[in-house]
Amino acid sequence: MLGWIEYLRSQDVDQSAVEEMNKDLTHLMKIVDRFSKIGSETPLPRPTSTKSWANRSCISASASRAT
């Protein structure tokens, strides 16, 4: 399909139609990409620092006990 669009760009045809075809092709490529991800594992981001999170929760827990 990409080859046809490039071919039509070099020909004496309505270029607005070629651009619409290019938009359709881009949309189809997004759909294919999304479908190819079905069933694959999702990479989970690594936490930046669990130590700082633990310190905050300990501080807030000890502060609430003090009152």
PDB file of N, CA and C in Angstrom:
ATOM      1  N   MET A   1       0.817  -1.187   0.000  1.00  0.00           N
ATOM      2  CA  MET A   1       0.000   0.000   0.000  1.00  0.00           C
ATOM      3  C   MET A   1       0.866   1.259   0.000  1.00  0.00           C
ATOM      4  N   LEU A   2       1.955   1.202   0.774  1.00  0.00           N
ATOM      5  CA  LEU A   2       2.849   2.361   0.782  1.00  0.00           C
ATOM      6  C   LEU A   2       3.416   2.631  -0.607  1.00  0.00           C
ATOM      7  N   GLY A   3       3.732   1.562  -1.309  1.00  0.00           N
ATOM      8  CA  GLY A   3       4.263   1.702  -2.658  1.00  0.00           C
ATOM      9  C   GLY A   3       3.265   2.346  -3.610  1.00  0.00           C
ATOM     10  N   TRP A   4       2.000   1.962  -3.487  1.00  0.00           N
ATOM     11  CA  TRP A   4       0.968   2.546  -4.332  1.00  0.00           C
ATOM     12  C   TRP A   4       0.804   4.037  -4.049  1.00  0.00           C
ATOM     13  N   ILE A   5       0.845   4.399  -2.789  1.00  0.00           N
ATOM     14  CA  ILE A   5       0.699   5.820  -2.454  1.00  0.00           C
ATOM     15  C   ILE A   5       1.864   6.618  -3.025  1.00  0.00           C
ATOM     16  N   GLU A   6       3.074   6.078  -2.904  1.00  0.00           N
ATOM     17  CA  GLU A   6       4.233   6.772  -3.477  1.00  0.00           C
ATOM     18  C   GLU A   6       4.127   6.856  -5.000  1.00  0.00           C
ATOM     19  N   TYR A   7       3.640   5.793  -5.607  1.00  0.00           N
ATOM     20  CA  TYR A   7       3.454   5.798  -7.055  1.00  0.00           C
ATOM     21  C   TYR A   7       2.439   6.858  -7.469  1.00  0.00           C
ATOM     22  N   LEU A   8       1.306   6.918  -6.749  1.00  0.00           N
ATOM     23  CA  LEU A   8       0.272   7.893  -7.090  1.00  0.00           C
ATOM     24  C   LEU A   8       0.742   9.327  -6.873  1.00  0.00           C
ATOM     25  N   ARG A   9       1.622   9.523  -5.902  1.00  0.00           N
ATOM     26  CA  ARG A   9       2.161  10.875  -5.682  1.00  0.00           C
ATOM     27  C   ARG A   9       2.975  11.351  -6.887  1.00  0.00           C
ATOM     28  N   SER A  10       3.600  10.420  -7.565  1.00  0.00           N
ATOM     29  CA  SER A  10       4.428  10.800  -8.716  1.00  0.00           C
ATOM     30  C   SER A  10       3.621  10.922 -10.013  1.00  0.00           C
ATOM     31  N   GLN A  11       2.351  10.539  -9.964  1.00  0.00           N
ATOM     32  CA  GLN A  11       1.507  10.588 -11.152  1.00  0.00           C
ATOM     33  C   GLN A  11       0.650  11.844 -11.163  1.00  0.00           C
ATOM     34  N   ASP A  12       0.027  12.078 -12.317  1.00  0.00           N
ATOM     35  CA  ASP A  12      -0.855  13.237 -12.479  1.00  0.00           C
ATOM     36  C   ASP A  12      -2.268  12.864 -12.019  1.00  0.00           C
ATOM     37  N   VAL A  13      -2.425  12.745 -10.685  1.00  0.00           N
ATOM     38  CA  VAL A  13      -3.730  12.431 -10.093  1.00  0.00           C
ATOM     39  C   VAL A  13      -4.018  13.471  -9.018  1.00  0.00           C
ATOM     40  N   ASP A  14      -5.255  13.500  -8.578  1.00  0.00           N
ATOM     41  CA  ASP A  14      -5.670  14.437  -7.536  1.00  0.00           C
ATOM     42  C   ASP A  14      -4.893  14.142  -6.254  1.00  0.00           C
ATOM     43  N   GLN A  15      -4.001  15.047  -5.873  1.00  0.00           N
ATOM     44  CA  GLN A  15      -3.141  14.826  -4.712  1.00  0.00           C
ATOM     45  C   GLN A  15      -3.907  14.864  -3.398  1.00  0.00           C
ATOM     46  N   SER A  16      -5.068  15.534  -3.373  1.00  0.00           N
ATOM     47  CA  SER A  16      -5.861  15.519  -2.143  1.00  0.00           C
ATOM     48  C   SER A  16      -6.398  14.114  -1.877  1.00  0.00           C
ATOM     49  N   ALA A  17      -6.715  13.379  -2.934  1.00  0.00           N
ATOM     50  CA  ALA A  17      -7.166  11.992  -2.770  1.00  0.00           C
ATOM     51  C   ALA A  17      -6.022  11.122  -2.265  1.00  0.00           C
ATOM     52  N   VAL A  18      -4.835  11.379  -2.753  1.00  0.00           N
ATOM     53  CA  VAL A  18      -3.661  10.618  -2.314  1.00  0.00           C
ATOM     54  C   VAL A  18      -3.393  10.892  -0.830  1.00  0.00           C
ATOM     55  N   GLU A  19      -3.540  12.125  -0.413  1.00  0.00           N
ATOM     56  CA  GLU A  19      -3.326  12.461   1.001  1.00  0.00           C
ATOM     57  C   GLU A  19      -4.367  11.795   1.889  1.00  0.00           C
ATOM     58  N   GLU A  20      -5.621  11.713   1.412  1.00  0.00           N
ATOM     59  CA  GLU A  20      -6.662  11.007   2.172  1.00  0.00           C
ATOM     60  C   GLU A  20      -6.330   9.526   2.285  1.00  0.00           C
ATOM     61  N   MET A  21      -5.809   8.955   1.212  1.00  0.00           N
ATOM     62  CA  MET A  21      -5.383   7.552   1.250  1.00  0.00           C
ATOM     63  C   MET A  21      -4.253   7.366   2.249  1.00  0.00           C
ATOM     64  N   ASN A  22      -3.349   8.332   2.308  1.00  0.00           N
ATOM     65  CA  ASN A  22      -2.236   8.267   3.250  1.00  0.00           C
ATOM     66  C   ASN A  22      -2.748   8.336   4.697  1.00  0.00           C
ATOM     67  N   LYS A  23      -3.749   9.187   4.947  1.00  0.00           N
ATOM     68  CA  LYS A  23      -4.356   9.264   6.279  1.00  0.00           C
ATOM     69  C   LYS A  23      -4.999   7.933   6.655  1.00  0.00           C
ATOM     70  N   ASP A  24      -5.713   7.331   5.695  1.00  0.00           N
ATOM     71  CA  ASP A  24      -6.345   6.030   5.943  1.00  0.00           C
ATOM     72  C   ASP A  24      -5.293   4.973   6.263  1.00  0.00           C
ATOM     73  N   LEU A  25      -4.208   4.991   5.528  1.00  0.00           N
ATOM     74  CA  LEU A  25      -3.139   4.022   5.754  1.00  0.00           C
ATOM     75  C   LEU A  25      -2.511   4.215   7.133  1.00  0.00           C
ATOM     76  N   THR A  26      -2.301   5.456   7.540  1.00  0.00           N
ATOM     77  CA  THR A  26      -1.755   5.739   8.863  1.00  0.00           C
ATOM     78  C   THR A  26      -2.697   5.218   9.944  1.00  0.00           C
ATOM     79  N   HIS A  27      -3.992   5.425   9.742  1.00  0.00           N
ATOM     80  CA  HIS A  27      -4.992   4.935  10.695  1.00  0.00           C
ATOM     81  C   HIS A  27      -4.958   3.401  10.769  1.00  0.00           C
ATOM     82  N   LEU A  28      -4.864   2.742   9.632  1.00  0.00           N
ATOM     83  CA  LEU A  28      -4.791   1.282   9.611  1.00  0.00           C
ATOM     84  C   LEU A  28      -3.536   0.767  10.313  1.00  0.00           C
ATOM     85  N   MET A  29      -2.438   1.475  10.159  1.00  0.00           N
ATOM     86  CA  MET A  29      -1.198   1.064  10.816  1.00  0.00           C
ATOM     87  C   MET A  29      -1.333   1.155  12.335  1.00  0.00           C
ATOM     88  N   LYS A  30      -2.036   2.165  12.832  1.00  0.00           N
ATOM     89  CA  LYS A  30      -2.284   2.284  14.274  1.00  0.00           C
ATOM     90  C   LYS A  30      -3.125   1.109  14.768  1.00  0.00           C
ATOM     91  N   ILE A  31      -4.139   0.759  13.993  1.00  0.00           N
ATOM     92  CA  ILE A  31      -5.012  -0.354  14.372  1.00  0.00           C
ATOM     93  C   ILE A  31      -4.225  -1.659  14.411  1.00  0.00           C
ATOM     94  N   VAL A  32      -3.416  -1.889  13.409  1.00  0.00           N
ATOM     95  CA  VAL A  32      -2.594  -3.106  13.365  1.00  0.00           C
ATOM     96  C   VAL A  32      -1.658  -3.151  14.565  1.00  0.00           C
ATOM     97  N   ASP A  33      -1.071  -2.026  14.903  1.00  0.00           N
ATOM     98  CA  ASP A  33      -0.167  -1.973  16.054  1.00  0.00           C
ATOM     99  C   ASP A  33      -0.905  -2.325  17.339  1.00  0.00           C
ATOM    100  N   ARG A  34      -2.104  -1.799  17.507  1.00  0.00           N
ATOM    101  CA  ARG A  34      -2.888  -2.088  18.717  1.00  0.00           C
ATOM    102  C   ARG A  34      -3.273  -3.559  18.778  1.00  0.00           C
ATOM    103  N   PHE A  35      -3.712  -4.130  17.664  1.00  0.00           N
ATOM    104  CA  PHE A  35      -4.091  -5.537  17.654  1.00  0.00           C
ATOM    105  C   PHE A  35      -2.884  -6.438  17.884  1.00  0.00           C
ATOM    106  N   SER A  36      -1.719  -6.028  17.436  1.00  0.00           N
ATOM    107  CA  SER A  36      -0.534  -6.866  17.629  1.00  0.00           C
ATOM    108  C   SER A  36      -0.120  -6.914  19.100  1.00  0.00           C
ATOM    109  N   LYS A  37      -0.584  -5.973  19.901  1.00  0.00           N
ATOM    110  CA  LYS A  37      -0.239  -5.945  21.324  1.00  0.00           C
ATOM    111  C   LYS A  37      -1.167  -6.805  22.169  1.00  0.00           C
ATOM    112  N   ILE A  38      -2.273  -7.276  21.598  1.00  0.00           N
ATOM    113  CA  ILE A  38      -3.228  -8.085  22.362  1.00  0.00           C
ATOM    114  C   ILE A  38      -2.556  -9.388  22.778  1.00  0.00           C
ATOM    115  N   GLY A  39      -2.631  -9.685  24.056  1.00  0.00           N
ATOM    116  CA  GLY A  39      -2.061 -10.919  24.579  1.00  0.00           C
ATOM    117  C   GLY A  39      -0.611 -10.821  24.985  1.00  0.00           C
ATOM    118  N   SER A  40       0.033  -9.714  24.690  1.00  0.00           N
ATOM    119  CA  SER A  40       1.433  -9.577  25.083  1.00  0.00           C
ATOM    120  C   SER A  40       1.516  -9.042  26.509  1.00  0.00           C
ATOM    121  N   GLU A  41       2.641  -9.261  27.128  1.00  0.00           N
ATOM    122  CA  GLU A  41       2.823  -8.793  28.496  1.00  0.00           C
ATOM    123  C   GLU A  41       3.055  -7.291  28.522  1.00  0.00           C
ATOM    124  N   THR A  42       2.493  -6.663  29.535  1.00  0.00           N
ATOM    125  CA  THR A  42       2.658  -5.227  29.700  1.00  0.00           C
ATOM    126  C   THR A  42       3.899  -4.975  30.548  1.00  0.00           C
ATOM    127  N   PRO A  43       4.862  -4.232  30.028  1.00  0.00           N
ATOM    128  CA  PRO A  43       6.041  -3.936  30.845  1.00  0.00           C
ATOM    129  C   PRO A  43       5.679  -2.954  31.957  1.00  0.00           C
ATOM    130  N   LEU A  44       5.994  -3.318  33.178  1.00  0.00           N
ATOM    131  CA  LEU A  44       5.713  -2.454  34.311  1.00  0.00           C
ATOM    132  C   LEU A  44       6.917  -1.567  34.584  1.00  0.00           C
ATOM    133  N   PRO A  45       6.688  -0.287  34.803  1.00  0.00           N
ATOM    134  CA  PRO A  45       7.813   0.606  35.097  1.00  0.00           C
ATOM    135  C   PRO A  45       8.370   0.295  36.482  1.00  0.00           C
ATOM    136  N   ARG A  46       9.669   0.438  36.610  1.00  0.00           N
ATOM    137  CA  ARG A  46      10.304   0.221  37.906  1.00  0.00           C
ATOM    138  C   ARG A  46      10.036   1.422  38.794  1.00  0.00           C
ATOM    139  N   PRO A  47       9.773   1.165  40.067  1.00  0.00           N
ATOM    140  CA  PRO A  47       9.596   2.304  40.977  1.00  0.00           C
ATOM    141  C   PRO A  47      10.899   3.073  41.103  1.00  0.00           C
ATOM    142  N   THR A  48      10.800   4.374  41.179  1.00  0.00           N
ATOM    143  CA  THR A  48      12.012   5.182  41.260  1.00  0.00           C
ATOM    144  C   THR A  48      12.691   5.026  42.609  1.00  0.00           C
ATOM    145  N   SER A  49      11.899   5.028  43.674  1.00  0.00           N
ATOM    146  CA  SER A  49      12.479   4.842  44.988  1.00  0.00           C
ATOM    147  C   SER A  49      11.391   4.400  45.956  1.00  0.00           C
ATOM    148  N   THR A  50      11.450   3.147  46.364  1.00  0.00           N
ATOM    149  CA  THR A  50      10.467   2.661  47.331  1.00  0.00           C
ATOM    150  C   THR A  50      10.844   3.091  48.740  1.00  0.00           C
ATOM    151  N   LYS A  51      12.118   3.411  48.933  1.00  0.00           N
ATOM    152  CA  LYS A  51      12.582   3.806  50.262  1.00  0.00           C
ATOM    153  C   LYS A  51      11.935   5.132  50.687  1.00  0.00           C
ATOM    154  N   SER A  52      11.874   6.086  49.769  1.00  0.00           N
ATOM    155  CA  SER A  52      11.271   7.368  50.129  1.00  0.00           C
ATOM    156  C   SER A  52       9.783   7.210  50.397  1.00  0.00           C
ATOM    157  N   TRP A  53       9.106   6.308  49.693  1.00  0.00           N
ATOM    158  CA  TRP A  53       7.694   6.054  49.931  1.00  0.00           C
ATOM    159  C   TRP A  53       7.503   5.422  51.312  1.00  0.00           C
ATOM    160  N   ALA A  54       8.371   4.496  51.671  1.00  0.00           N
ATOM    161  CA  ALA A  54       8.275   3.850  52.982  1.00  0.00           C
ATOM    162  C   ALA A  54       8.534   4.852  54.092  1.00  0.00           C
ATOM    163  N   ASN A  55       9.493   5.738  53.903  1.00  0.00           N
ATOM    164  CA  ASN A  55       9.777   6.750  54.918  1.00  0.00           C
ATOM    165  C   ASN A  55       8.581   7.673  55.129  1.00  0.00           C
ATOM    166  N   ARG A  56       7.929   8.058  54.054  1.00  0.00           N
ATOM    167  CA  ARG A  56       6.774   8.938  54.175  1.00  0.00           C
ATOM    168  C   ARG A  56       5.636   8.258  54.915  1.00  0.00           C
ATOM    169  N   SER A  57       5.401   6.995  54.614  1.00  0.00           N
ATOM    170  CA  SER A  57       4.285   6.304  55.272  1.00  0.00           C
ATOM    171  C   SER A  57       4.594   6.060  56.737  1.00  0.00           C
ATOM    172  N   CYS A  58       5.874   5.840  57.101  1.00  0.00           N
ATOM    173  CA  CYS A  58       6.240   5.660  58.507  1.00  0.00           C
ATOM    174  C   CYS A  58       6.097   6.982  59.260  1.00  0.00           C
ATOM    175  N   ILE A  59       6.508   8.051  58.612  1.00  0.00           N
ATOM    176  CA  ILE A  59       6.403   9.368  59.265  1.00  0.00           C
ATOM    177  C   ILE A  59       4.946   9.730  59.493  1.00  0.00           C
ATOM    178  N   SER A  60       4.096   9.506  58.469  1.00  0.00           N
ATOM    179  CA  SER A  60       2.692   9.873  58.629  1.00  0.00           C
ATOM    180  C   SER A  60       2.008   8.967  59.642  1.00  0.00           C
ATOM    181  N   ALA A  61       2.402   7.690  59.721  1.00  0.00           N
ATOM    182  CA  ALA A  61       1.815   6.777  60.695  1.00  0.00           C
ATOM    183  C   ALA A  61       2.231   7.163  62.107  1.00  0.00           C
ATOM    184  N   SER A  62       3.507   7.508  62.300  1.00  0.00           N
ATOM    185  CA  SER A  62       3.965   7.880  63.634  1.00  0.00           C
ATOM    186  C   SER A  62       3.402   9.238  64.051  1.00  0.00           C
ATOM    187  N   ALA A  63       3.182  10.121  63.102  1.00  0.00           N
ATOM    188  CA  ALA A  63       2.604  11.440  63.413  1.00  0.00           C
ATOM    189  C   ALA A  63       1.153  11.300  63.836  1.00  0.00           C
ATOM    190  N   SER A  64       0.434  10.371  63.196  1.00  0.00           N
ATOM    191  CA  SER A  64      -0.973  10.192  63.567  1.00  0.00           C
ATOM    192  C   SER A  64      -1.106   9.501  64.924  1.00  0.00           C
ATOM    193  N   ARG A  65      -0.136   8.667  65.294  1.00  0.00           N
ATOM    194  CA  ARG A  65      -0.164   8.012  66.604  1.00  0.00           C
ATOM    195  C   ARG A  65       0.137   9.015  67.716  1.00  0.00           C
ATOM    196  N   ALA A  66       0.976  10.017  67.436  1.00  0.00           N
ATOM    197  CA  ALA A  66       1.393  10.981  68.436  1.00  0.00           C
ATOM    198  C   ALA A  66       0.241  11.897  68.819  1.00  0.00           C
ATOM    199  N   THR A  67      -0.717  12.080  67.959  1.00  0.00           N
ATOM    200  CA  THR A  67      -1.836  12.992  68.270  1.00  0.00           C
ATOM    201  C   THR A  67      -2.995  12.297  68.920  1.00  0.00           C
TER     202      THR A  67
END
